[in-house]
Amino acid sequence: MENALVADAGMMRLLAHPLRMRIVGSLRVDGPATSAILARRLETDTGQTSHHLRLLARYGLVEEAPEQGRGAHGRERWWKAVHDSTLWSDLGVGGAEAATVVQRTARAVWDQAIDTYHADVARQRWSPAWQRAAASSDYVIRTTPERLERLNAEIERLIREADDPDAEKVLVVLHTYPLR
């Protein structure tokens, strides 16, 4: 798979919906699913997931997965993500506002994942080893745009190197912004 390139404000607004963002993320991370499976994964209802899946399909972010079958009664529609990740280009003035909304939605989705982790820790669902390994931190450095690009590329290389498909899933969220 490749990256989805968001090149217009309409597609950006489509992704600004938290449930749509979570549906695409779930299909990428957890694999193909029906609207009923997604509803259980995301704690919503099948009607909502069906509606949002159709919208996402219209923009080419998800597609039907007929290779998964149609179920015992031939009525199940399986869906899968089309891309590994989503990138967007400079969309101009109207696009900047849409990008801000998408970024805000993404942060809310990430915060929800972090809150779920901490709730699971409180319920003792993660081992002490995972609790020691999990981390949140921030650093303020002085650098140039070129060095920041190299730093981001190196961090991405290390993340890809650490990836083990047979191990536990780990959310890595990285933010690098200039600060005044």
Protein backbone atom coordinates (compact mmCIF):
# COMPACT_ATOMS: atom_id res chain seq x y z
CA MET A 1 0.00 0.00 0.00
CA GLU A 2 0.98 3.62 -0.34
CA ASN A 3 0.12 6.95 1.27
CA ALA A 4 -3.17 8.71 0.63
CA LEU A 5 -2.46 12.25 -0.54
CA VAL A 6 -5.16 14.68 0.48
CA ALA A 7 -5.12 17.39 -2.15
CA ASP A 8 -8.40 19.25 -1.64
CA ALA A 9 -10.28 20.86 1.24
CA GLY A 10 -13.34 18.61 0.73
CA MET A 11 -11.32 15.48 1.41
CA MET A 12 -9.68 17.24 4.36
CA ARG A 13 -13.11 18.05 5.83
CA LEU A 14 -14.12 14.41 5.34
CA LEU A 15 -11.18 13.32 7.50
CA ALA A 16 -11.95 15.93 10.16
CA HIS A 17 -14.71 13.71 11.57
CA PRO A 18 -13.41 11.72 14.58
CA LEU A 19 -15.34 8.52 13.80
CA ARG A 20 -14.21 8.50 10.16
CA MET A 21 -10.62 9.00 11.30
CA ARG A 22 -10.98 6.14 13.79
CA ILE A 23 -12.58 3.87 11.15
CA VAL A 24 -9.68 4.40 8.73
CA GLY A 25 -7.20 3.89 11.58
CA SER A 26 -8.88 0.69 12.73
CA LEU A 27 -8.92 -0.76 9.21
CA ARG A 28 -5.22 0.08 8.88
CA VAL A 29 -4.16 -1.30 12.25
CA ASP A 30 -6.64 -4.10 12.94
CA GLY A 31 -7.38 -5.16 9.37
CA PRO A 32 -10.52 -5.61 7.26
CA ALA A 33 -13.89 -5.53 8.98
CA THR A 34 -17.62 -5.30 8.43
CA SER A 35 -19.58 -2.31 9.74
CA ALA A 36 -20.74 -4.50 12.64
CA ILE A 37 -17.18 -5.46 13.58
CA LEU A 38 -16.11 -1.80 13.36
CA ALA A 39 -19.08 -0.77 15.51
CA ARG A 40 -17.91 -3.17 18.23
CA ARG A 41 -14.26 -2.09 17.90
CA LEU A 42 -15.13 1.59 18.08
CA GLU A 43 -18.08 1.35 20.49
CA THR A 44 -20.63 2.88 18.14
CA ASP A 45 -23.51 1.50 16.08
CA THR A 46 -23.57 -0.27 12.72
CA GLY A 47 -25.65 2.43 11.03
CA GLN A 48 -23.03 5.04 11.87
CA THR A 49 -20.13 2.91 10.65
CA SER A 50 -21.98 1.97 7.44
CA HIS A 51 -22.70 5.60 6.64
CA HIS A 52 -19.12 6.71 7.25
CA LEU A 53 -17.67 3.74 5.33
CA ARG A 54 -19.65 4.76 2.25
CA LEU A 55 -18.37 8.34 2.52
CA LEU A 56 -14.78 7.16 2.96
CA ALA A 57 -15.17 4.83 -0.04
CA ARG A 58 -16.44 7.71 -2.18
CA TYR A 59 -13.11 9.50 -1.54
CA GLY A 60 -11.02 6.37 -2.09
CA LEU A 61 -9.78 5.94 1.49
CA VAL A 62 -11.47 2.55 2.01
CA GLU A 63 -12.78 -0.08 -0.37
CA GLU A 64 -14.75 -3.28 -0.23
CA ALA A 65 -12.77 -6.43 0.56
CA PRO A 66 -14.64 -9.18 -1.31
CA GLU A 67 -11.79 -11.59 -0.62
CA GLN A 68 -13.05 -11.70 2.99
CA GLY A 69 -16.30 -13.37 1.86
CA ARG A 70 -19.93 -12.42 2.30
CA GLY A 71 -20.83 -14.32 5.47
CA ALA A 72 -23.27 -17.19 6.02
CA HIS A 73 -26.18 -15.33 4.43
CA GLY A 74 -24.18 -13.57 1.71
CA ARG A 75 -25.00 -10.13 3.11
CA GLU A 76 -21.84 -9.03 4.93
CA ARG A 77 -19.83 -6.25 3.30
CA TRP A 78 -16.18 -6.32 4.30
CA TRP A 79 -14.07 -3.17 4.08
CA LYS A 80 -10.35 -2.48 4.08
CA ALA A 81 -8.08 0.55 4.12
CA VAL A 82 -6.61 1.54 0.77
CA HIS A 83 -3.53 3.34 2.16
CA ASP A 84 -1.01 2.87 4.98
CA SER A 85 -1.09 6.53 6.00
CA THR A 86 -2.49 9.90 5.02
CA LEU A 87 -0.45 12.93 3.97
CA TRP A 88 -1.65 16.31 2.79
CA SER A 89 -0.13 19.02 0.70
CA ASP A 90 -0.47 22.79 0.96
CA LEU A 91 -4.14 23.39 0.25
CA GLY A 92 -4.10 27.19 0.30
CA VAL A 93 -6.14 29.47 2.58
CA GLY A 94 -9.33 27.35 2.72
CA GLY A 95 -7.24 24.22 3.09
CA ALA A 96 -5.28 25.64 6.02
CA GLU A 97 -8.48 25.91 8.06
CA ALA A 98 -9.48 22.36 7.11
CA ALA A 99 -5.97 21.10 7.99
CA THR A 100 -6.25 22.74 11.42
CA VAL A 101 -9.54 20.90 12.05
CA VAL A 102 -8.02 17.57 10.94
CA GLN A 103 -4.99 18.11 13.21
CA ARG A 104 -7.30 18.91 16.13
CA THR A 105 -9.35 15.77 15.43
CA ALA A 106 -6.19 13.66 15.21
CA ARG A 107 -4.98 14.98 18.57
CA ALA A 108 -8.36 14.12 20.12
CA VAL A 109 -8.14 10.57 18.72
CA TRP A 110 -4.57 10.20 20.04
CA ASP A 111 -5.59 11.61 23.44
CA GLN A 112 -8.40 9.05 23.59
CA ALA A 113 -5.89 6.24 22.91
CA ILE A 114 -3.58 7.57 25.64
CA ASP A 115 -6.48 7.89 28.10
CA THR A 116 -7.50 4.30 27.32
CA TYR A 117 -3.93 3.13 28.04
CA HIS A 118 -3.92 4.92 31.43
CA ALA A 119 -7.35 3.50 32.31
CA ASP A 120 -6.05 0.03 31.42
CA VAL A 121 -2.98 0.60 33.63
CA ALA A 122 -5.29 1.51 36.51
CA ARG A 123 -7.13 -1.81 35.91
CA GLN A 124 -3.75 -3.61 35.85
CA ARG A 125 -4.19 -4.70 32.21
CA TRP A 126 -0.57 -3.86 31.31
CA SER A 127 2.46 -5.54 32.82
CA PRO A 128 5.05 -3.58 34.80
CA ALA A 129 7.44 -4.02 31.85
CA TRP A 130 4.99 -2.26 29.50
CA GLN A 131 4.34 0.43 32.09
CA ARG A 132 8.11 1.12 32.37
CA ALA A 133 8.52 1.15 28.58
CA ALA A 134 5.59 3.49 27.84
CA ALA A 135 6.53 7.17 27.92
CA SER A 136 5.46 10.70 27.21
CA SER A 137 8.02 13.47 27.06
CA ASP A 138 8.84 16.77 25.49
CA TYR A 139 12.10 18.41 24.48
CA VAL A 140 12.85 21.93 23.37
CA ILE A 141 15.88 22.15 21.10
CA ARG A 142 17.47 24.81 18.94
CA THR A 143 17.86 23.73 15.33
CA THR A 144 17.37 24.65 11.69
CA PRO A 145 14.60 23.46 9.34
CA GLU A 146 17.11 21.22 7.55
CA ARG A 147 18.29 19.60 10.79
CA LEU A 148 14.70 19.17 11.96
CA GLU A 149 13.88 17.35 8.70
CA ARG A 150 16.89 15.07 9.27
CA LEU A 151 15.85 14.49 12.88
CA ASN A 152 12.31 13.53 11.79
CA ALA A 153 13.70 11.21 9.10
CA GLU A 154 16.01 9.53 11.63
CA ILE A 155 13.19 9.09 14.14
CA GLU A 156 11.04 7.56 11.39
CA ARG A 157 13.89 5.20 10.46
CA LEU A 158 14.22 4.10 14.09
CA ILE A 159 10.47 3.56 14.37
CA ARG A 160 10.45 1.39 11.23
CA GLU A 161 13.47 -0.53 12.56
CA ALA A 162 11.68 -1.19 15.88
CA ASP A 163 8.53 -2.46 14.14
CA ASP A 164 7.88 -6.15 14.79
CA PRO A 165 4.65 -7.51 13.24
CA ASP A 166 4.55 -10.34 15.81
CA ALA A 167 4.75 -8.05 18.86
CA GLU A 168 2.29 -5.78 20.67
CA LYS A 169 0.93 -2.72 18.82
CA VAL A 170 2.36 0.58 20.06
CA LEU A 171 1.12 4.07 19.20
CA VAL A 172 3.96 6.49 18.46
CA VAL A 173 2.89 10.11 18.09
CA LEU A 174 5.49 12.67 17.10
CA HIS A 175 5.08 16.44 16.96
CA THR A 176 7.88 18.77 15.85
CA TYR A 177 6.93 22.44 15.56
CA PRO A 178 8.88 25.67 15.82
CA LEU A 179 8.28 27.49 19.11
CA ARG A 180 8.41 31.22 19.79
